[in-house]
Amino acid sequence: MDQKEKLIRKYQQILEGTKEEIFPLLCPVREKEWLQDWEYKMIYSESGFAEKGCIFETNNNYGSFQWVVTEHDKDNHKLQFIKVRANDIYVIIDIDLTEKGEKLTLGNIQYTFIPLGNEAAEIMYRENTEEAFNKHMEKWEDSLNYYLKHAKMLL
């Protein structure tokens, strides 16, 4: 197989809250509170929320994905998810929250897309242009900031 290289996309969100306020919201259960059209099915979680080893799945316009939380560091405000679209692509999502002042946090986000074969690589590049990725990150950023300010979902 002549597999193409992985694709890395990075984005820095400016979030209007503390790391302690934001970190628990980065959870499949809690995202339903602030991210419009977010749907998931919990497969495994001891606590019922995001934790290391938590497994859930999503279905959206990009297909069906199985997710695993591989890092959930509450003390350092770091998360890592691996999501998989069967026989197609792996996506490693790293999130690191850094406080930049009172009620201001930087969300450093990196997506690493790893295709399983040439056809998957073509789809990966087509679905994850820099413009599409940034638009997704901006929606996430706007939705989270709205929730932090108003305690309700941006519609």
N, C-alpha and C. Protein backbone atom coordinates (compact mmCIF):
# COMPACT_ATOMS: atom_id res chain seq x y z
N MET A 1 0.85 -1.19 0.00
CA MET A 1 0.00 0.00 0.00
C MET A 1 0.89 1.24 0.00
N ASP A 2 0.62 2.15 -0.88
CA ASP A 2 1.36 3.40 -1.00
C ASP A 2 0.64 4.47 -0.18
N GLN A 3 0.78 4.36 1.13
CA GLN A 3 0.02 5.24 2.03
C GLN A 3 0.61 6.64 2.07
N LYS A 4 -0.28 7.63 2.02
CA LYS A 4 0.16 9.03 2.10
C LYS A 4 0.44 9.40 3.55
N GLU A 5 1.12 10.53 3.71
CA GLU A 5 1.46 11.00 5.05
C GLU A 5 0.23 11.41 5.83
N LYS A 6 0.43 11.49 7.13
CA LYS A 6 -0.64 12.00 7.99
C LYS A 6 -0.82 13.50 7.74
N LEU A 7 -1.98 13.98 8.15
CA LEU A 7 -2.31 15.40 8.02
C LEU A 7 -2.48 15.96 9.43
N ILE A 8 -1.81 17.07 9.72
CA ILE A 8 -1.93 17.71 11.03
C ILE A 8 -2.56 19.09 10.85
N ARG A 9 -3.59 19.34 11.64
CA ARG A 9 -4.23 20.66 11.67
C ARG A 9 -4.18 21.17 13.10
N LYS A 10 -3.84 22.45 13.26
CA LYS A 10 -3.76 23.07 14.59
C LYS A 10 -4.63 24.31 14.63
N TYR A 11 -5.13 24.58 15.82
CA TYR A 11 -5.95 25.78 16.01
C TYR A 11 -5.83 26.21 17.47
N GLN A 12 -5.80 27.51 17.70
CA GLN A 12 -5.78 28.02 19.08
C GLN A 12 -7.07 28.80 19.32
N GLN A 13 -7.88 28.29 20.23
CA GLN A 13 -9.11 28.97 20.61
C GLN A 13 -8.81 29.94 21.75
N ILE A 14 -9.52 31.07 21.75
CA ILE A 14 -9.46 32.02 22.87
C ILE A 14 -10.79 31.87 23.59
N LEU A 15 -10.72 31.32 24.79
CA LEU A 15 -11.93 30.97 25.54
C LEU A 15 -12.08 31.87 26.76
N GLU A 16 -13.29 32.34 26.97
CA GLU A 16 -13.58 33.32 28.02
C GLU A 16 -14.05 32.63 29.29
N GLY A 17 -13.12 31.94 29.93
CA GLY A 17 -13.39 31.24 31.17
C GLY A 17 -12.08 30.68 31.71
N THR A 18 -12.15 30.09 32.89
CA THR A 18 -10.96 29.49 33.49
C THR A 18 -10.81 28.05 32.99
N LYS A 19 -9.61 27.52 33.15
CA LYS A 19 -9.36 26.12 32.79
C LYS A 19 -10.29 25.20 33.57
N GLU A 20 -10.53 25.55 34.82
CA GLU A 20 -11.39 24.72 35.68
C GLU A 20 -12.84 24.73 35.20
N GLU A 21 -13.29 25.83 34.63
CA GLU A 21 -14.65 25.90 34.09
C GLU A 21 -14.76 25.16 32.76
N ILE A 22 -13.73 25.26 31.94
CA ILE A 22 -13.77 24.73 30.58
C ILE A 22 -13.51 23.24 30.52
N PHE A 23 -12.55 22.74 31.26
CA PHE A 23 -12.13 21.34 31.15
C PHE A 23 -13.28 20.35 31.26
N PRO A 24 -14.17 20.46 32.26
CA PRO A 24 -15.26 19.47 32.36
C PRO A 24 -16.25 19.52 31.20
N LEU A 25 -16.28 20.63 30.48
CA LEU A 25 -17.21 20.76 29.35
C LEU A 25 -16.71 20.01 28.11
N LEU A 26 -15.44 19.60 28.11
CA LEU A 26 -14.86 18.87 26.99
C LEU A 26 -15.07 17.37 27.20
N CYS A 27 -16.31 16.99 27.14
CA CYS A 27 -16.79 15.66 27.51
C CYS A 27 -17.98 15.36 26.61
N PRO A 28 -18.14 14.14 26.12
CA PRO A 28 -19.27 13.88 25.23
C PRO A 28 -20.62 14.17 25.88
N VAL A 29 -20.75 13.93 27.16
CA VAL A 29 -22.01 14.18 27.87
C VAL A 29 -22.25 15.68 27.98
N ARG A 30 -21.25 16.41 28.44
CA ARG A 30 -21.39 17.85 28.68
C ARG A 30 -21.47 18.66 27.38
N GLU A 31 -20.91 18.15 26.29
CA GLU A 31 -20.99 18.88 25.02
C GLU A 31 -22.42 19.06 24.56
N LYS A 32 -23.32 18.16 24.98
CA LYS A 32 -24.75 18.31 24.63
C LYS A 32 -25.32 19.60 25.20
N GLU A 33 -24.70 20.14 26.25
CA GLU A 33 -25.18 21.38 26.87
C GLU A 33 -24.83 22.61 26.04
N TRP A 34 -23.75 22.54 25.26
CA TRP A 34 -23.26 23.76 24.61
C TRP A 34 -23.00 23.67 23.11
N LEU A 35 -22.98 22.47 22.53
CA LEU A 35 -22.66 22.33 21.11
C LEU A 35 -23.88 21.84 20.34
N GLN A 36 -24.44 22.73 19.53
CA GLN A 36 -25.64 22.41 18.76
C GLN A 36 -25.38 21.22 17.83
N ASP A 37 -26.36 20.33 17.75
CA ASP A 37 -26.34 19.14 16.89
C ASP A 37 -25.34 18.08 17.34
N TRP A 38 -24.78 18.20 18.53
CA TRP A 38 -23.87 17.17 19.04
C TRP A 38 -24.71 15.98 19.49
N GLU A 39 -24.42 14.83 18.96
CA GLU A 39 -25.08 13.58 19.33
C GLU A 39 -24.00 12.53 19.55
N TYR A 40 -24.19 11.69 20.56
CA TYR A 40 -23.23 10.63 20.85
C TYR A 40 -23.98 9.47 21.49
N LYS A 41 -23.33 8.33 21.52
CA LYS A 41 -23.84 7.17 22.25
C LYS A 41 -22.70 6.68 23.14
N MET A 42 -22.92 6.68 24.45
CA MET A 42 -21.89 6.23 25.38
C MET A 42 -21.80 4.71 25.31
N ILE A 43 -20.60 4.21 25.13
CA ILE A 43 -20.34 2.77 25.10
C ILE A 43 -19.80 2.30 26.45
N TYR A 44 -18.84 3.06 26.99
CA TYR A 44 -18.25 2.67 28.27
C TYR A 44 -17.71 3.90 28.99
N SER A 45 -18.07 4.01 30.25
CA SER A 45 -17.51 5.03 31.15
C SER A 45 -17.85 4.62 32.57
N GLU A 46 -16.86 4.53 33.43
CA GLU A 46 -17.13 4.18 34.83
C GLU A 46 -17.89 5.29 35.54
N SER A 47 -17.57 6.55 35.23
CA SER A 47 -18.18 7.69 35.92
C SER A 47 -19.43 8.21 35.21
N GLY A 48 -19.60 7.83 33.94
CA GLY A 48 -20.68 8.39 33.14
C GLY A 48 -20.26 9.63 32.37
N PHE A 49 -19.02 10.06 32.57
CA PHE A 49 -18.48 11.25 31.90
C PHE A 49 -17.13 10.90 31.28
N ALA A 50 -16.49 11.89 30.65
CA ALA A 50 -15.16 11.67 30.06
C ALA A 50 -14.16 11.31 31.15
N GLU A 51 -13.37 10.32 30.85
CA GLU A 51 -12.29 9.84 31.72
C GLU A 51 -11.40 8.97 30.85
N LYS A 52 -10.20 8.71 31.30
CA LYS A 52 -9.32 7.84 30.53
C LYS A 52 -10.01 6.48 30.37
N GLY A 53 -10.06 6.01 29.14
CA GLY A 53 -10.70 4.73 28.85
C GLY A 53 -12.17 4.83 28.46
N CYS A 54 -12.75 6.01 28.56
CA CYS A 54 -14.13 6.23 28.14
C CYS A 54 -14.24 5.97 26.63
N ILE A 55 -15.31 5.27 26.23
CA ILE A 55 -15.54 4.97 24.82
C ILE A 55 -16.94 5.42 24.45
N PHE A 56 -17.05 6.13 23.33
CA PHE A 56 -18.35 6.55 22.83
C PHE A 56 -18.32 6.59 21.32
N GLU A 57 -19.49 6.75 20.71
CA GLU A 57 -19.53 6.85 19.25
C GLU A 57 -20.40 8.00 18.81
N THR A 58 -20.09 8.50 17.62
CA THR A 58 -20.85 9.59 17.02
C THR A 58 -21.18 9.22 15.58
N ASN A 59 -22.27 9.79 15.10
CA ASN A 59 -22.67 9.67 13.69
C ASN A 59 -23.01 11.06 13.21
N ASN A 60 -22.37 11.50 12.14
CA ASN A 60 -22.66 12.82 11.58
C ASN A 60 -22.42 12.80 10.08
N ASN A 61 -22.35 13.96 9.47
CA ASN A 61 -22.16 14.04 8.02
C ASN A 61 -20.85 13.41 7.55
N TYR A 62 -19.89 13.27 8.46
CA TYR A 62 -18.60 12.68 8.09
C TYR A 62 -18.56 11.18 8.34
N GLY A 63 -19.64 10.61 8.85
CA GLY A 63 -19.69 9.17 9.06
C GLY A 63 -19.81 8.79 10.52
N SER A 64 -19.62 7.51 10.76
CA SER A 64 -19.72 6.94 12.10
C SER A 64 -18.31 6.79 12.67
N PHE A 65 -18.10 7.35 13.86
CA PHE A 65 -16.80 7.28 14.52
C PHE A 65 -16.92 6.65 15.89
N GLN A 66 -15.94 5.84 16.25
CA GLN A 66 -15.78 5.34 17.61
C GLN A 66 -14.64 6.14 18.23
N TRP A 67 -14.87 6.62 19.46
CA TRP A 67 -13.92 7.47 20.16
C TRP A 67 -13.43 6.77 21.43
N VAL A 68 -12.16 6.99 21.77
CA VAL A 68 -11.59 6.55 23.04
C VAL A 68 -10.86 7.74 23.66
N VAL A 69 -11.14 7.99 24.92
CA VAL A 69 -10.38 9.02 25.65
C VAL A 69 -9.09 8.34 26.12
N THR A 70 -7.95 8.79 25.59
CA THR A 70 -6.67 8.17 25.93
C THR A 70 -5.88 8.96 26.96
N GLU A 71 -6.25 10.23 27.15
CA GLU A 71 -5.65 11.05 28.21
C GLU A 71 -6.73 11.98 28.74
N HIS A 72 -6.80 12.03 30.07
CA HIS A 72 -7.77 12.92 30.74
C HIS A 72 -7.10 13.42 32.01
N ASP A 73 -6.27 14.45 31.85
CA ASP A 73 -5.44 14.96 32.94
C ASP A 73 -6.07 16.23 33.51
N LYS A 74 -6.86 16.05 34.57
CA LYS A 74 -7.56 17.18 35.20
C LYS A 74 -6.59 18.19 35.81
N ASP A 75 -5.48 17.70 36.34
CA ASP A 75 -4.52 18.59 37.01
C ASP A 75 -3.82 19.52 36.02
N ASN A 76 -3.48 19.01 34.85
CA ASN A 76 -2.76 19.80 33.84
C ASN A 76 -3.67 20.27 32.70
N HIS A 77 -4.96 19.92 32.79
CA HIS A 77 -5.96 20.37 31.81
C HIS A 77 -5.59 19.97 30.39
N LYS A 78 -5.28 18.67 30.24
CA LYS A 78 -4.93 18.11 28.94
C LYS A 78 -5.84 16.92 28.65
N LEU A 79 -6.25 16.83 27.39
CA LEU A 79 -7.10 15.73 26.93
C LEU A 79 -6.53 15.17 25.64
N GLN A 80 -6.76 13.88 25.44
CA GLN A 80 -6.49 13.29 24.14
C GLN A 80 -7.60 12.30 23.84
N PHE A 81 -8.11 12.40 22.63
CA PHE A 81 -9.10 11.46 22.12
C PHE A 81 -8.50 10.80 20.88
N ILE A 82 -8.83 9.55 20.66
CA ILE A 82 -8.57 8.92 19.38
C ILE A 82 -9.93 8.51 18.84
N LYS A 83 -10.22 8.99 17.62
CA LYS A 83 -11.48 8.58 16.99
C LYS A 83 -11.17 7.84 15.71
N VAL A 84 -12.00 6.83 15.43
CA VAL A 84 -11.75 5.92 14.31
C VAL A 84 -13.00 5.80 13.46
N ARG A 85 -12.83 5.95 12.17
CA ARG A 85 -13.89 5.61 11.22
C ARG A 85 -13.42 4.29 10.59
N ALA A 86 -14.16 3.23 10.84
CA ALA A 86 -13.74 1.86 10.52
C ALA A 86 -13.15 1.72 9.13
N ASN A 87 -12.01 1.05 9.07
CA ASN A 87 -11.31 0.74 7.82
C ASN A 87 -11.00 1.96 6.98
N ASP A 88 -10.87 3.12 7.61
CA ASP A 88 -10.76 4.35 6.85
C ASP A 88 -9.71 5.31 7.42
N ILE A 89 -9.96 5.80 8.65
CA ILE A 89 -9.10 6.86 9.18
C ILE A 89 -9.06 6.84 10.70
N TYR A 90 -7.91 7.18 11.24
CA TYR A 90 -7.74 7.42 12.67
C TYR A 90 -7.48 8.91 12.84
N VAL A 91 -8.06 9.49 13.89
CA VAL A 91 -7.83 10.90 14.19
C VAL A 91 -7.43 11.01 15.65
N ILE A 92 -6.26 11.58 15.91
CA ILE A 92 -5.79 11.82 17.28
C ILE A 92 -6.04 13.29 17.57
N ILE A 93 -6.80 13.56 18.62
CA ILE A 93 -7.16 14.93 18.99
C ILE A 93 -6.50 15.26 20.32
N ASP A 94 -5.61 16.24 20.31
CA ASP A 94 -4.94 16.69 21.53
C ASP A 94 -5.45 18.07 21.89
N ILE A 95 -5.84 18.24 23.15
CA ILE A 95 -6.34 19.53 23.64
C ILE A 95 -5.55 19.88 24.90
N ASP A 96 -5.01 21.09 24.93
CA ASP A 96 -4.22 21.57 26.06
C ASP A 96 -4.74 22.96 26.41
N LEU A 97 -5.27 23.12 27.62
CA LEU A 97 -5.78 24.41 28.07
C LEU A 97 -4.71 25.15 28.85
N THR A 98 -4.47 26.41 28.47
CA THR A 98 -3.48 27.25 29.13
C THR A 98 -4.13 28.56 29.52
N GLU A 99 -4.09 28.87 30.81
CA GLU A 99 -4.70 30.12 31.28
C GLU A 99 -3.81 31.30 30.90
N LYS A 100 -4.45 32.36 30.37
CA LYS A 100 -3.72 33.54 29.93
C LYS A 100 -4.16 34.79 30.66
N GLY A 101 -4.74 34.64 31.80
CA GLY A 101 -5.22 35.80 32.56
C GLY A 101 -6.53 35.44 33.22
N GLU A 102 -7.06 36.41 33.94
CA GLU A 102 -8.31 36.17 34.64
C GLU A 102 -9.43 35.91 33.63
N LYS A 103 -10.05 34.75 33.74
CA LYS A 103 -11.17 34.35 32.87
C LYS A 103 -10.81 34.34 31.38
N LEU A 104 -9.55 34.03 31.07
CA LEU A 104 -9.13 33.90 29.68
C LEU A 104 -8.22 32.69 29.55
N THR A 105 -8.60 31.76 28.68
CA THR A 105 -7.87 30.51 28.51
C THR A 105 -7.63 30.26 27.03
N LEU A 106 -6.43 29.80 26.71
CA LEU A 106 -6.13 29.38 25.35
C LEU A 106 -6.38 27.88 25.24
N GLY A 107 -7.14 27.51 24.24
CA GLY A 107 -7.36 26.10 23.94
C GLY A 107 -6.50 25.73 22.75
N ASN A 108 -5.39 25.06 23.02
CA ASN A 108 -4.48 24.62 21.95
C ASN A 108 -4.94 23.25 21.47
N ILE A 109 -5.35 23.18 20.22
CA ILE A 109 -5.97 21.98 19.69
C ILE A 109 -5.18 21.50 18.49
N GLN A 110 -4.88 20.20 18.49
CA GLN A 110 -4.21 19.60 17.34
C GLN A 110 -4.96 18.33 16.94
N TYR A 111 -5.30 18.25 15.67
CA TYR A 111 -5.87 17.04 15.08
C TYR A 111 -4.81 16.41 14.20
N THR A 112 -4.54 15.13 14.41
CA THR A 112 -3.63 14.37 13.55
C THR A 112 -4.47 13.31 12.85
N PHE A 113 -4.62 13.45 11.54
CA PHE A 113 -5.42 12.54 10.73
C PHE A 113 -4.48 11.50 10.11
N ILE A 114 -4.80 10.23 10.28
CA ILE A 114 -3.98 9.15 9.73
C ILE A 114 -4.88 8.26 8.87
N PRO A 115 -4.72 8.32 7.55
CA PRO A 115 -5.57 7.54 6.66
C PRO A 115 -5.08 6.10 6.55
N LEU A 116 -6.02 5.20 6.31
CA LEU A 116 -5.68 3.79 6.08
C LEU A 116 -5.80 3.50 4.59
N GLY A 117 -4.82 3.95 3.84
CA GLY A 117 -4.80 3.70 2.41
C GLY A 117 -5.02 4.95 1.58
N ASN A 118 -4.80 4.81 0.29
CA ASN A 118 -4.85 5.95 -0.63
C ASN A 118 -6.23 6.55 -0.78
N GLU A 119 -7.25 5.71 -0.89
CA GLU A 119 -8.61 6.23 -1.03
C GLU A 119 -9.00 7.03 0.21
N ALA A 120 -8.66 6.49 1.38
CA ALA A 120 -8.94 7.19 2.64
C ALA A 120 -8.17 8.50 2.71
N ALA A 121 -6.95 8.51 2.20
CA ALA A 121 -6.14 9.74 2.21
C ALA A 121 -6.79 10.82 1.34
N GLU A 122 -7.30 10.42 0.19
CA GLU A 122 -7.97 11.40 -0.68
C GLU A 122 -9.19 12.00 0.00
N ILE A 123 -9.97 11.15 0.66
CA ILE A 123 -11.15 11.62 1.40
C ILE A 123 -10.71 12.54 2.53
N MET A 124 -9.65 12.13 3.24
CA MET A 124 -9.14 12.91 4.37
C MET A 124 -8.78 14.33 3.94
N TYR A 125 -8.02 14.44 2.85
CA TYR A 125 -7.62 15.77 2.37
C TYR A 125 -8.81 16.58 1.90
N ARG A 126 -9.77 15.94 1.26
CA ARG A 126 -10.95 16.63 0.75
C ARG A 126 -11.84 17.14 1.90
N GLU A 127 -12.03 16.31 2.94
CA GLU A 127 -12.91 16.67 4.05
C GLU A 127 -12.27 17.63 5.04
N ASN A 128 -10.95 17.69 5.07
CA ASN A 128 -10.26 18.43 6.13
C ASN A 128 -9.33 19.51 5.59
N THR A 129 -9.85 20.30 4.67
CA THR A 129 -9.08 21.44 4.20
C THR A 129 -8.84 22.38 5.39
N GLU A 130 -7.85 23.23 5.27
CA GLU A 130 -7.58 24.18 6.34
C GLU A 130 -8.80 25.06 6.60
N GLU A 131 -9.46 25.48 5.53
CA GLU A 131 -10.65 26.32 5.67
C GLU A 131 -11.78 25.60 6.41
N ALA A 132 -12.04 24.35 6.05
CA ALA A 132 -13.10 23.57 6.71
C ALA A 132 -12.75 23.32 8.18
N PHE A 133 -11.49 23.00 8.44
CA PHE A 133 -11.06 22.75 9.82
C PHE A 133 -11.21 24.00 10.67
N ASN A 134 -10.73 25.13 10.16
CA ASN A 134 -10.83 26.39 10.92
C ASN A 134 -12.28 26.78 11.16
N LYS A 135 -13.14 26.56 10.20
CA LYS A 135 -14.57 26.86 10.36
C LYS A 135 -15.17 26.01 11.49
N HIS A 136 -14.80 24.73 11.52
CA HIS A 136 -15.26 23.83 12.59
C HIS A 136 -14.75 24.31 13.95
N MET A 137 -13.48 24.68 14.02
CA MET A 137 -12.89 25.15 15.28
C MET A 137 -13.54 26.46 15.74
N GLU A 138 -13.84 27.34 14.81
CA GLU A 138 -14.48 28.62 15.15
C GLU A 138 -15.90 28.40 15.69
N LYS A 139 -16.63 27.46 15.08
CA LYS A 139 -17.98 27.14 15.58
C LYS A 139 -17.89 26.61 17.01
N TRP A 140 -16.94 25.73 17.24
CA TRP A 140 -16.73 25.15 18.56
C TRP A 140 -16.38 26.26 19.55
N GLU A 141 -15.45 27.13 19.17
CA GLU A 141 -15.01 28.25 20.02
C GLU A 141 -16.17 29.19 20.33
N ASP A 142 -16.92 29.59 19.31
CA ASP A 142 -18.06 30.49 19.52
C ASP A 142 -19.12 29.86 20.42
N SER A 143 -19.40 28.58 20.19
CA SER A 143 -20.41 27.88 20.98
C SER A 143 -20.00 27.77 22.44
N LEU A 144 -18.75 27.44 22.67
CA LEU A 144 -18.25 27.30 24.04
C LEU A 144 -18.22 28.65 24.75
N ASN A 145 -17.77 29.68 24.07
CA ASN A 145 -17.75 31.02 24.68
C ASN A 145 -19.16 31.51 25.00
N TYR A 146 -20.10 31.25 24.13
CA TYR A 146 -21.49 31.66 24.38
C TYR A 146 -22.02 30.95 25.63
N TYR A 147 -21.74 29.65 25.72
CA TYR A 147 -22.19 28.88 26.89
C TYR A 147 -21.53 29.40 28.17
N LEU A 148 -20.24 29.69 28.11
CA LEU A 148 -19.54 30.19 29.30
C LEU A 148 -20.11 31.53 29.76
N LYS A 149 -20.56 32.34 28.83
CA LYS A 149 -21.09 33.66 29.17
C LYS A 149 -22.56 33.62 29.58
N HIS A 150 -23.37 32.78 28.89
CA HIS A 150 -24.83 32.81 29.08
C HIS A 150 -25.41 31.57 29.75
N ALA A 151 -24.59 30.55 29.97
CA ALA A 151 -25.04 29.28 30.56
C ALA A 151 -26.16 28.63 29.75
N LYS A 152 -26.13 28.85 28.43
CA LYS A 152 -27.06 28.15 27.54
C LYS A 152 -26.42 28.02 26.16
N MET A 153 -27.00 27.15 25.35
CA MET A 153 -26.46 26.84 24.04
C MET A 153 -26.70 27.96 23.03
N LEU A 154 -25.69 28.19 22.20
CA LEU A 154 -25.82 29.11 21.07
C LEU A 154 -26.63 28.41 19.98
N LEU A 155 -27.73 29.02 19.59
CA LEU A 155 -28.59 28.41 18.55
C LEU A 155 -28.48 29.14 17.24
